[in-house]
Amino acid sequence: MANTKSAKKANRRNTKRTTVNKARRTRMRSSWRAVEEAIAGGDAKTAQAALKAAESETMRAVSKEVAHKNTGARKISRLSKRVTALSGAKKAP
């Protein structure tokens, strides 16, 4: 238990940040799930739209340091690859 005034304040701040970060992480993972569901459904247009939203949400979380930048880049890259394969578009050289 925090005893000093500064420790109590730090504890309050940590609690607030934890709540905000949990919400951001949840929003990011939900956007990934939306892409996965669109891919599973076989709808290329919906998957493309969901991927765009997921990329935005992921990069926002990365910029707020909720997730590591390489994790965000890796996840978006893999989802993007699957959406591209779904739509049947050829990759540019």
PDB file of N, CA and C in Angstrom:
ATOM      1  N   MET A   1       0.844  -1.186   0.000  1.00  0.00           N
ATOM      2  CA  MET A   1       0.000   0.000   0.000  1.00  0.00           C
ATOM      3  C   MET A   1       0.881   1.237   0.000  1.00  0.00           C
ATOM      4  N   ALA A   2       0.501   2.210  -0.843  1.00  0.00           N
ATOM      5  CA  ALA A   2       1.269   3.445  -0.933  1.00  0.00           C
ATOM      6  C   ALA A   2       1.112   4.258   0.349  1.00  0.00           C
ATOM      7  N   ASN A   3       2.221   4.789   0.836  1.00  0.00           N
ATOM      8  CA  ASN A   3       2.200   5.572   2.066  1.00  0.00           C
ATOM      9  C   ASN A   3       2.373   7.061   1.826  1.00  0.00           C
ATOM     10  N   THR A   4       3.237   7.424   0.895  1.00  0.00           N
ATOM     11  CA  THR A   4       3.497   8.841   0.662  1.00  0.00           C
ATOM     12  C   THR A   4       2.474   9.424  -0.309  1.00  0.00           C
ATOM     13  N   LYS A   5       2.374  10.738  -0.277  1.00  0.00           N
ATOM     14  CA  LYS A   5       1.428  11.436  -1.138  1.00  0.00           C
ATOM     15  C   LYS A   5       1.766  11.192  -2.615  1.00  0.00           C
ATOM     16  N   SER A   6       3.053  11.226  -2.947  1.00  0.00           N
ATOM     17  CA  SER A   6       3.469  11.033  -4.347  1.00  0.00           C
ATOM     18  C   SER A   6       3.212   9.602  -4.812  1.00  0.00           C
ATOM     19  N   ALA A   7       3.385   8.643  -3.904  1.00  0.00           N
ATOM     20  CA  ALA A   7       3.135   7.241  -4.261  1.00  0.00           C
ATOM     21  C   ALA A   7       1.648   7.000  -4.493  1.00  0.00           C
ATOM     22  N   LYS A   8       0.822   7.678  -3.682  1.00  0.00           N
ATOM     23  CA  LYS A   8      -0.628   7.549  -3.855  1.00  0.00           C
ATOM     24  C   LYS A   8      -1.053   8.145  -5.201  1.00  0.00           C
ATOM     25  N   LYS A   9      -0.464   9.271  -5.545  1.00  0.00           N
ATOM     26  CA  LYS A   9      -0.778   9.911  -6.823  1.00  0.00           C
ATOM     27  C   LYS A   9      -0.317   9.025  -7.983  1.00  0.00           C
ATOM     28  N   ALA A  10       0.870   8.455  -7.864  1.00  0.00           N
ATOM     29  CA  ALA A  10       1.392   7.561  -8.900  1.00  0.00           C
ATOM     30  C   ALA A  10       0.471   6.356  -9.073  1.00  0.00           C
ATOM     31  N   ASN A  11      -0.039   5.868  -7.967  1.00  0.00           N
ATOM     32  CA  ASN A  11      -0.956   4.734  -8.003  1.00  0.00           C
ATOM     33  C   ASN A  11      -2.249   5.092  -8.747  1.00  0.00           C
ATOM     34  N   ARG A  12      -2.784   6.285  -8.469  1.00  0.00           N
ATOM     35  CA  ARG A  12      -3.989   6.746  -9.163  1.00  0.00           C
ATOM     36  C   ARG A  12      -3.730   6.885 -10.665  1.00  0.00           C
ATOM     37  N   ARG A  13      -2.580   7.462 -10.983  1.00  0.00           N
ATOM     38  CA  ARG A  13      -2.223   7.650 -12.390  1.00  0.00           C
ATOM     39  C   ARG A  13      -2.075   6.311 -13.116  1.00  0.00           C
ATOM     40  N   ASN A  14      -1.420   5.369 -12.466  1.00  0.00           N
ATOM     41  CA  ASN A  14      -1.231   4.042 -13.058  1.00  0.00           C
ATOM     42  C   ASN A  14      -2.562   3.353 -13.312  1.00  0.00           C
ATOM     43  N   THR A  15      -3.484   3.512 -12.383  1.00  0.00           N
ATOM     44  CA  THR A  15      -4.808   2.901 -12.537  1.00  0.00           C
ATOM     45  C   THR A  15      -5.535   3.487 -13.748  1.00  0.00           C
ATOM     46  N   LYS A  16      -5.466   4.810 -13.881  1.00  0.00           N
ATOM     47  CA  LYS A  16      -6.118   5.478 -15.017  1.00  0.00           C
ATOM     48  C   LYS A  16      -5.488   5.027 -16.334  1.00  0.00           C
ATOM     49  N   ARG A  17      -4.155   5.004 -16.388  1.00  0.00           N
ATOM     50  CA  ARG A  17      -3.456   4.625 -17.616  1.00  0.00           C
ATOM     51  C   ARG A  17      -3.758   3.175 -17.984  1.00  0.00           C
ATOM     52  N   THR A  18      -3.829   2.313 -16.970  1.00  0.00           N
ATOM     53  CA  THR A  18      -4.133   0.903 -17.211  1.00  0.00           C
ATOM     54  C   THR A  18      -5.496   0.762 -17.858  1.00  0.00           C
ATOM     55  N   THR A  19      -6.467   1.504 -17.364  1.00  0.00           N
ATOM     56  CA  THR A  19      -7.821   1.458 -17.908  1.00  0.00           C
ATOM     57  C   THR A  19      -7.840   1.910 -19.366  1.00  0.00           C
ATOM     58  N   VAL A  20      -7.163   3.013 -19.656  1.00  0.00           N
ATOM     59  CA  VAL A  20      -7.115   3.551 -21.014  1.00  0.00           C
ATOM     60  C   VAL A  20      -6.400   2.569 -21.945  1.00  0.00           C
ATOM     61  N   ASN A  21      -5.277   2.029 -21.487  1.00  0.00           N
ATOM     62  CA  ASN A  21      -4.498   1.111 -22.315  1.00  0.00           C
ATOM     63  C   ASN A  21      -5.254  -0.183 -22.584  1.00  0.00           C
ATOM     64  N   LYS A  22      -6.008  -0.666 -21.597  1.00  0.00           N
ATOM     65  CA  LYS A  22      -6.810  -1.879 -21.800  1.00  0.00           C
ATOM     66  C   LYS A  22      -7.848  -1.640 -22.885  1.00  0.00           C
ATOM     67  N   ALA A  23      -8.469  -0.472 -22.854  1.00  0.00           N
ATOM     68  CA  ALA A  23      -9.478  -0.131 -23.861  1.00  0.00           C
ATOM     69  C   ALA A  23      -8.851  -0.064 -25.244  1.00  0.00           C
ATOM     70  N   ARG A  24      -7.678   0.544 -25.343  1.00  0.00           N
ATOM     71  CA  ARG A  24      -6.983   0.639 -26.634  1.00  0.00           C
ATOM     72  C   ARG A  24      -6.601  -0.741 -27.158  1.00  0.00           C
ATOM     73  N   ARG A  25      -6.090  -1.574 -26.263  1.00  0.00           N
ATOM     74  CA  ARG A  25      -5.672  -2.932 -26.651  1.00  0.00           C
ATOM     75  C   ARG A  25      -6.885  -3.746 -27.131  1.00  0.00           C
ATOM     76  N   THR A  26      -7.997  -3.596 -26.425  1.00  0.00           N
ATOM     77  CA  THR A  26      -9.222  -4.298 -26.797  1.00  0.00           C
ATOM     78  C   THR A  26      -9.712  -3.846 -28.163  1.00  0.00           C
ATOM     79  N   ARG A  27      -9.699  -2.525 -28.387  1.00  0.00           N
ATOM     80  CA  ARG A  27     -10.133  -1.975 -29.668  1.00  0.00           C
ATOM     81  C   ARG A  27      -9.251  -2.488 -30.807  1.00  0.00           C
ATOM     82  N   MET A  28      -7.946  -2.561 -30.552  1.00  0.00           N
ATOM     83  CA  MET A  28      -6.998  -3.042 -31.555  1.00  0.00           C
ATOM     84  C   MET A  28      -7.271  -4.515 -31.885  1.00  0.00           C
ATOM     85  N   ARG A  29      -7.431  -5.331 -30.872  1.00  0.00           N
ATOM     86  CA  ARG A  29      -7.663  -6.757 -31.086  1.00  0.00           C
ATOM     87  C   ARG A  29      -9.013  -7.017 -31.744  1.00  0.00           C
ATOM     88  N   SER A  30     -10.002  -6.204 -31.419  1.00  0.00           N
ATOM     89  CA  SER A  30     -11.316  -6.344 -32.047  1.00  0.00           C
ATOM     90  C   SER A  30     -11.231  -6.038 -33.536  1.00  0.00           C
ATOM     91  N   SER A  31     -10.422  -5.059 -33.884  1.00  0.00           N
ATOM     92  CA  SER A  31     -10.267  -4.728 -35.302  1.00  0.00           C
ATOM     93  C   SER A  31      -9.587  -5.871 -36.042  1.00  0.00           C
ATOM     94  N   TRP A  32      -8.639  -6.535 -35.394  1.00  0.00           N
ATOM     95  CA  TRP A  32      -7.992  -7.709 -36.002  1.00  0.00           C
ATOM     96  C   TRP A  32      -9.022  -8.816 -36.207  1.00  0.00           C
ATOM     97  N   ARG A  33      -9.882  -8.996 -35.209  1.00  0.00           N
ATOM     98  CA  ARG A  33     -10.913 -10.042 -35.269  1.00  0.00           C
ATOM     99  C   ARG A  33     -11.883  -9.772 -36.427  1.00  0.00           C
ATOM    100  N   ALA A  34     -12.193  -8.500 -36.655  1.00  0.00           N
ATOM    101  CA  ALA A  34     -13.100  -8.143 -37.749  1.00  0.00           C
ATOM    102  C   ALA A  34     -12.504  -8.538 -39.097  1.00  0.00           C
ATOM    103  N   VAL A  35     -11.206  -8.346 -39.247  1.00  0.00           N
ATOM    104  CA  VAL A  35     -10.531  -8.740 -40.486  1.00  0.00           C
ATOM    105  C   VAL A  35     -10.564 -10.258 -40.629  1.00  0.00           C
ATOM    106  N   GLU A  36     -10.252 -10.961 -39.536  1.00  0.00           N
ATOM    107  CA  GLU A  36     -10.263 -12.433 -39.550  1.00  0.00           C
ATOM    108  C   GLU A  36     -11.637 -12.958 -39.958  1.00  0.00           C
ATOM    109  N   GLU A  37     -12.686 -12.366 -39.422  1.00  0.00           N
ATOM    110  CA  GLU A  37     -14.046 -12.810 -39.735  1.00  0.00           C
ATOM    111  C   GLU A  37     -14.404 -12.537 -41.190  1.00  0.00           C
ATOM    112  N   ALA A  38     -13.955 -11.396 -41.710  1.00  0.00           N
ATOM    113  CA  ALA A  38     -14.220 -11.074 -43.109  1.00  0.00           C
ATOM    114  C   ALA A  38     -13.480 -12.041 -44.032  1.00  0.00           C
ATOM    115  N   ILE A  39     -12.260 -12.404 -43.650  1.00  0.00           N
ATOM    116  CA  ILE A  39     -11.484 -13.373 -44.436  1.00  0.00           C
ATOM    117  C   ILE A  39     -12.172 -14.727 -44.401  1.00  0.00           C
ATOM    118  N   ALA A  40     -12.611 -15.135 -43.211  1.00  0.00           N
ATOM    119  CA  ALA A  40     -13.301 -16.420 -43.064  1.00  0.00           C
ATOM    120  C   ALA A  40     -14.597 -16.440 -43.863  1.00  0.00           C
ATOM    121  N   GLY A  41     -15.266 -15.295 -43.945  1.00  0.00           N
ATOM    122  CA  GLY A  41     -16.506 -15.194 -44.701  1.00  0.00           C
ATOM    123  C   GLY A  41     -16.278 -15.152 -46.200  1.00  0.00           C
ATOM    124  N   GLY A  42     -15.042 -14.887 -46.612  1.00  0.00           N
ATOM    125  CA  GLY A  42     -14.696 -14.864 -48.028  1.00  0.00           C
ATOM    126  C   GLY A  42     -15.096 -13.583 -48.737  1.00  0.00           C
ATOM    127  N   ASP A  43     -15.420 -12.546 -47.994  1.00  0.00           N
ATOM    128  CA  ASP A  43     -15.826 -11.273 -48.591  1.00  0.00           C
ATOM    129  C   ASP A  43     -14.611 -10.347 -48.701  1.00  0.00           C
ATOM    130  N   ALA A  44     -14.087 -10.213 -49.913  1.00  0.00           N
ATOM    131  CA  ALA A  44     -12.858  -9.442 -50.135  1.00  0.00           C
ATOM    132  C   ALA A  44     -13.052  -7.957 -49.860  1.00  0.00           C
ATOM    133  N   LYS A  45     -14.199  -7.414 -50.251  1.00  0.00           N
ATOM    134  CA  LYS A  45     -14.445  -5.982 -50.074  1.00  0.00           C
ATOM    135  C   LYS A  45     -14.536  -5.614 -48.586  1.00  0.00           C
ATOM    136  N   THR A  46     -15.271  -6.421 -47.851  1.00  0.00           N
ATOM    137  CA  THR A  46     -15.407  -6.189 -46.412  1.00  0.00           C
ATOM    138  C   THR A  46     -14.056  -6.373 -45.715  1.00  0.00           C
ATOM    139  N   ALA A  47     -13.315  -7.377 -46.153  1.00  0.00           N
ATOM    140  CA  ALA A  47     -11.999  -7.638 -45.566  1.00  0.00           C
ATOM    141  C   ALA A  47     -11.059  -6.464 -45.811  1.00  0.00           C
ATOM    142  N   GLN A  48     -11.118  -5.896 -47.002  1.00  0.00           N
ATOM    143  CA  GLN A  48     -10.262  -4.750 -47.338  1.00  0.00           C
ATOM    144  C   GLN A  48     -10.601  -3.554 -46.456  1.00  0.00           C
ATOM    145  N   ALA A  49     -11.884  -3.298 -46.268  1.00  0.00           N
ATOM    146  CA  ALA A  49     -12.322  -2.180 -45.427  1.00  0.00           C
ATOM    147  C   ALA A  49     -11.930  -2.416 -43.970  1.00  0.00           C
ATOM    148  N   ALA A  50     -12.115  -3.656 -43.514  1.00  0.00           N
ATOM    149  CA  ALA A  50     -11.759  -3.999 -42.133  1.00  0.00           C
ATOM    150  C   ALA A  50     -10.249  -3.892 -41.924  1.00  0.00           C
ATOM    151  N   LEU A  51      -9.481  -4.264 -42.932  1.00  0.00           N
ATOM    152  CA  LEU A  51      -8.019  -4.167 -42.840  1.00  0.00           C
ATOM    153  C   LEU A  51      -7.575  -2.724 -42.707  1.00  0.00           C
ATOM    154  N   LYS A  52      -8.201  -1.849 -43.466  1.00  0.00           N
ATOM    155  CA  LYS A  52      -7.866  -0.426 -43.392  1.00  0.00           C
ATOM    156  C   LYS A  52      -8.130   0.118 -41.983  1.00  0.00           C
ATOM    157  N   ALA A  53      -9.268  -0.253 -41.426  1.00  0.00           N
ATOM    158  CA  ALA A  53      -9.607   0.174 -40.064  1.00  0.00           C
ATOM    159  C   ALA A  53      -8.652  -0.437 -39.045  1.00  0.00           C
ATOM    160  N   ALA A  54      -8.301  -1.702 -39.252  1.00  0.00           N
ATOM    161  CA  ALA A  54      -7.396  -2.394 -38.324  1.00  0.00           C
ATOM    162  C   ALA A  54      -6.014  -1.780 -38.353  1.00  0.00           C
ATOM    163  N   GLU A  55      -5.566  -1.406 -39.546  1.00  0.00           N
ATOM    164  CA  GLU A  55      -4.244  -0.790 -39.659  1.00  0.00           C
ATOM    165  C   GLU A  55      -4.208   0.533 -38.904  1.00  0.00           C
ATOM    166  N   SER A  56      -5.250   1.325 -39.066  1.00  0.00           N
ATOM    167  CA  SER A  56      -5.340   2.605 -38.379  1.00  0.00           C
ATOM    168  C   SER A  56      -5.338   2.416 -36.860  1.00  0.00           C
ATOM    169  N   GLU A  57      -6.158   1.488 -36.412  1.00  0.00           N
ATOM    170  CA  GLU A  57      -6.283   1.227 -34.969  1.00  0.00           C
ATOM    171  C   GLU A  57      -4.972   0.685 -34.396  1.00  0.00           C
ATOM    172  N   THR A  58      -4.323  -0.189 -35.139  1.00  0.00           N
ATOM    173  CA  THR A  58      -3.065  -0.789 -34.684  1.00  0.00           C
ATOM    174  C   THR A  58      -1.967   0.262 -34.590  1.00  0.00           C
ATOM    175  N   MET A  59      -1.841   1.091 -35.599  1.00  0.00           N
ATOM    176  CA  MET A  59      -0.794   2.113 -35.593  1.00  0.00           C
ATOM    177  C   MET A  59      -1.047   3.157 -34.503  1.00  0.00           C
ATOM    178  N   ARG A  60      -2.329   3.415 -34.206  1.00  0.00           N
ATOM    179  CA  ARG A  60      -2.646   4.328 -33.107  1.00  0.00           C
ATOM    180  C   ARG A  60      -2.178   3.723 -31.788  1.00  0.00           C
ATOM    181  N   ALA A  61      -2.426   2.430 -31.605  1.00  0.00           N
ATOM    182  CA  ALA A  61      -2.004   1.745 -30.378  1.00  0.00           C
ATOM    183  C   ALA A  61      -0.484   1.721 -30.274  1.00  0.00           C
ATOM    184  N   VAL A  62       0.175   1.529 -31.406  1.00  0.00           N
ATOM    185  CA  VAL A  62       1.645   1.509 -31.426  1.00  0.00           C
ATOM    186  C   VAL A  62       2.185   2.885 -31.052  1.00  0.00           C
ATOM    187  N   SER A  63       1.581   3.932 -31.591  1.00  0.00           N
ATOM    188  CA  SER A  63       2.060   5.284 -31.302  1.00  0.00           C
ATOM    189  C   SER A  63       1.845   5.656 -29.836  1.00  0.00           C
ATOM    190  N   LYS A  64       0.824   5.053 -29.203  1.00  0.00           N
ATOM    191  CA  LYS A  64       0.560   5.299 -27.787  1.00  0.00           C
ATOM    192  C   LYS A  64       1.314   4.314 -26.896  1.00  0.00           C
ATOM    193  N   GLU A  65       2.156   3.488 -27.520  1.00  0.00           N
ATOM    194  CA  GLU A  65       2.987   2.501 -26.822  1.00  0.00           C
ATOM    195  C   GLU A  65       2.188   1.459 -26.054  1.00  0.00           C
ATOM    196  N   VAL A  66       1.027   1.102 -26.605  1.00  0.00           N
ATOM    197  CA  VAL A  66       0.238   0.015 -26.034  1.00  0.00           C
ATOM    198  C   VAL A  66       0.775  -1.306 -26.565  1.00  0.00           C
ATOM    199  N   ALA A  67       1.244  -1.272 -27.823  1.00  0.00           N
ATOM    200  CA  ALA A  67       1.836  -2.455 -28.450  1.00  0.00           C
ATOM    201  C   ALA A  67       3.191  -2.054 -29.035  1.00  0.00           C
ATOM    202  N   HIS A  68       4.070  -3.022 -29.185  1.00  0.00           N
ATOM    203  CA  HIS A  68       5.385  -2.761 -29.769  1.00  0.00           C
ATOM    204  C   HIS A  68       5.225  -2.535 -31.267  1.00  0.00           C
ATOM    205  N   LYS A  69       6.061  -1.669 -31.834  1.00  0.00           N
ATOM    206  CA  LYS A  69       5.913  -1.325 -33.253  1.00  0.00           C
ATOM    207  C   LYS A  69       6.107  -2.525 -34.163  1.00  0.00           C
ATOM    208  N   ASN A  70       7.021  -3.423 -33.819  1.00  0.00           N
ATOM    209  CA  ASN A  70       7.234  -4.602 -34.668  1.00  0.00           C
ATOM    210  C   ASN A  70       6.044  -5.553 -34.611  1.00  0.00           C
ATOM    211  N   THR A  71       5.402  -5.647 -33.470  1.00  0.00           N
ATOM    212  CA  THR A  71       4.216  -6.485 -33.333  1.00  0.00           C
ATOM    213  C   THR A  71       3.109  -5.957 -34.232  1.00  0.00           C
ATOM    214  N   GLY A  72       2.890  -4.648 -34.205  1.00  0.00           N
ATOM    215  CA  GLY A  72       1.873  -4.030 -35.043  1.00  0.00           C
ATOM    216  C   GLY A  72       2.173  -4.222 -36.520  1.00  0.00           C
ATOM    217  N   ALA A  73       3.421  -3.995 -36.900  1.00  0.00           N
ATOM    218  CA  ALA A  73       3.812  -4.140 -38.302  1.00  0.00           C
ATOM    219  C   ALA A  73       3.655  -5.583 -38.761  1.00  0.00           C
ATOM    220  N   ARG A  74       4.050  -6.517 -37.916  1.00  0.00           N
ATOM    221  CA  ARG A  74       3.960  -7.945 -38.271  1.00  0.00           C
ATOM    222  C   ARG A  74       2.506  -8.371 -38.454  1.00  0.00           C
ATOM    223  N   LYS A  75       1.653  -7.952 -37.538  1.00  0.00           N
ATOM    224  CA  LYS A  75       0.248  -8.345 -37.589  1.00  0.00           C
ATOM    225  C   LYS A  75      -0.432  -7.770 -38.837  1.00  0.00           C
ATOM    226  N   ILE A  76      -0.210  -6.489 -39.113  1.00  0.00           N
ATOM    227  CA  ILE A  76      -0.807  -5.848 -40.278  1.00  0.00           C
ATOM    228  C   ILE A  76      -0.276  -6.477 -41.563  1.00  0.00           C
ATOM    229  N   SER A  77       1.013  -6.780 -41.581  1.00  0.00           N
ATOM    230  CA  SER A  77       1.609  -7.405 -42.756  1.00  0.00           C
ATOM    231  C   SER A  77       0.974  -8.757 -43.048  1.00  0.00           C
ATOM    232  N   ARG A  78       0.801  -9.560 -42.028  1.00  0.00           N
ATOM    233  CA  ARG A  78       0.228 -10.897 -42.212  1.00  0.00           C
ATOM    234  C   ARG A  78      -1.242 -10.842 -42.613  1.00  0.00           C
ATOM    235  N   LEU A  79      -1.985  -9.931 -41.995  1.00  0.00           N
ATOM    236  CA  LEU A  79      -3.398  -9.774 -42.361  1.00  0.00           C
ATOM    237  C   LEU A  79      -3.522  -9.264 -43.795  1.00  0.00           C
ATOM    238  N   SER A  80      -2.667  -8.310 -44.147  1.00  0.00           N
ATOM    239  CA  SER A  80      -2.675  -7.729 -45.481  1.00  0.00           C
ATOM    240  C   SER A  80      -2.394  -8.796 -46.542  1.00  0.00           C
ATOM    241  N   LYS A  81      -1.455  -9.657 -46.240  1.00  0.00           N
ATOM    242  CA  LYS A  81      -1.095 -10.747 -47.149  1.00  0.00           C
ATOM    243  C   LYS A  81      -2.290 -11.669 -47.391  1.00  0.00           C
ATOM    244  N   ARG A  82      -3.020 -11.968 -46.323  1.00  0.00           N
ATOM    245  CA  ARG A  82      -4.186 -12.854 -46.430  1.00  0.00           C
ATOM    246  C   ARG A  82      -5.335 -12.195 -47.181  1.00  0.00           C
ATOM    247  N   VAL A  83      -5.527 -10.892 -46.965  1.00  0.00           N
ATOM    248  CA  VAL A  83      -6.595 -10.170 -47.661  1.00  0.00           C
ATOM    249  C   VAL A  83      -6.265 -10.085 -49.153  1.00  0.00           C
ATOM    250  N   THR A  84      -5.004  -9.835 -49.461  1.00  0.00           N
ATOM    251  CA  THR A  84      -4.576  -9.770 -50.853  1.00  0.00           C
ATOM    252  C   THR A  84      -4.794 -11.106 -51.541  1.00  0.00           C
ATOM    253  N   ALA A  85      -4.458 -12.195 -50.863  1.00  0.00           N
ATOM    254  CA  ALA A  85      -4.662 -13.536 -51.415  1.00  0.00           C
ATOM    255  C   ALA A  85      -6.153 -13.815 -51.622  1.00  0.00           C
ATOM    256  N   LEU A  86      -6.969 -13.308 -50.723  1.00  0.00           N
ATOM    257  CA  LEU A  86      -8.416 -13.499 -50.812  1.00  0.00           C
ATOM    258  C   LEU A  86      -9.000 -12.784 -52.028  1.00  0.00           C
ATOM    259  N   SER A  87      -8.527 -11.565 -52.257  1.00  0.00           N
ATOM    260  CA  SER A  87      -9.060 -10.779 -53.361  1.00  0.00           C
ATOM    261  C   SER A  87      -8.515 -11.237 -54.712  1.00  0.00           C
ATOM    262  N   GLY A  88      -7.454 -12.041 -54.684  1.00  0.00           N
ATOM    263  CA  GLY A  88      -6.912 -12.579 -55.923  1.00  0.00           C
ATOM    264  C   GLY A  88      -6.062 -11.586 -56.679  1.00  0.00           C
ATOM    265  N   ALA A  89      -5.747 -10.470 -56.063  1.00  0.00           N
ATOM    266  CA  ALA A  89      -4.923  -9.460 -56.719  1.00  0.00           C
ATOM    267  C   ALA A  89      -3.470  -9.921 -56.730  1.00  0.00           C
ATOM    268  N   LYS A  90      -2.804  -9.597 -57.806  1.00  0.00           N
ATOM    269  CA  LYS A  90      -1.379  -9.948 -57.923  1.00  0.00           C
ATOM    270  C   LYS A  90      -0.559  -8.858 -57.273  1.00  0.00           C
ATOM    271  N   LYS A  91       0.562  -9.291 -56.674  1.00  0.00           N
ATOM    272  CA  LYS A  91       1.441  -8.350 -56.005  1.00  0.00           C
ATOM    273  C   LYS A  91       2.305  -7.636 -57.044  1.00  0.00           C
ATOM    274  N   ALA A  92       2.533  -6.351 -56.868  1.00  0.00           N
ATOM    275  CA  ALA A  92       3.386  -5.589 -57.781  1.00  0.00           C
ATOM    276  C   ALA A  92       4.840  -6.002 -57.574  1.00  0.00           C
ATOM    277  N   PRO A  93       5.631  -6.035 -58.641  1.00  0.00           N
ATOM    278  CA  PRO A  93       7.049  -6.443 -58.509  1.00  0.00           C
ATOM    279  C   PRO A  93       7.887  -5.448 -57.761  1.00  0.00           C
TER     280      PRO A  93
END
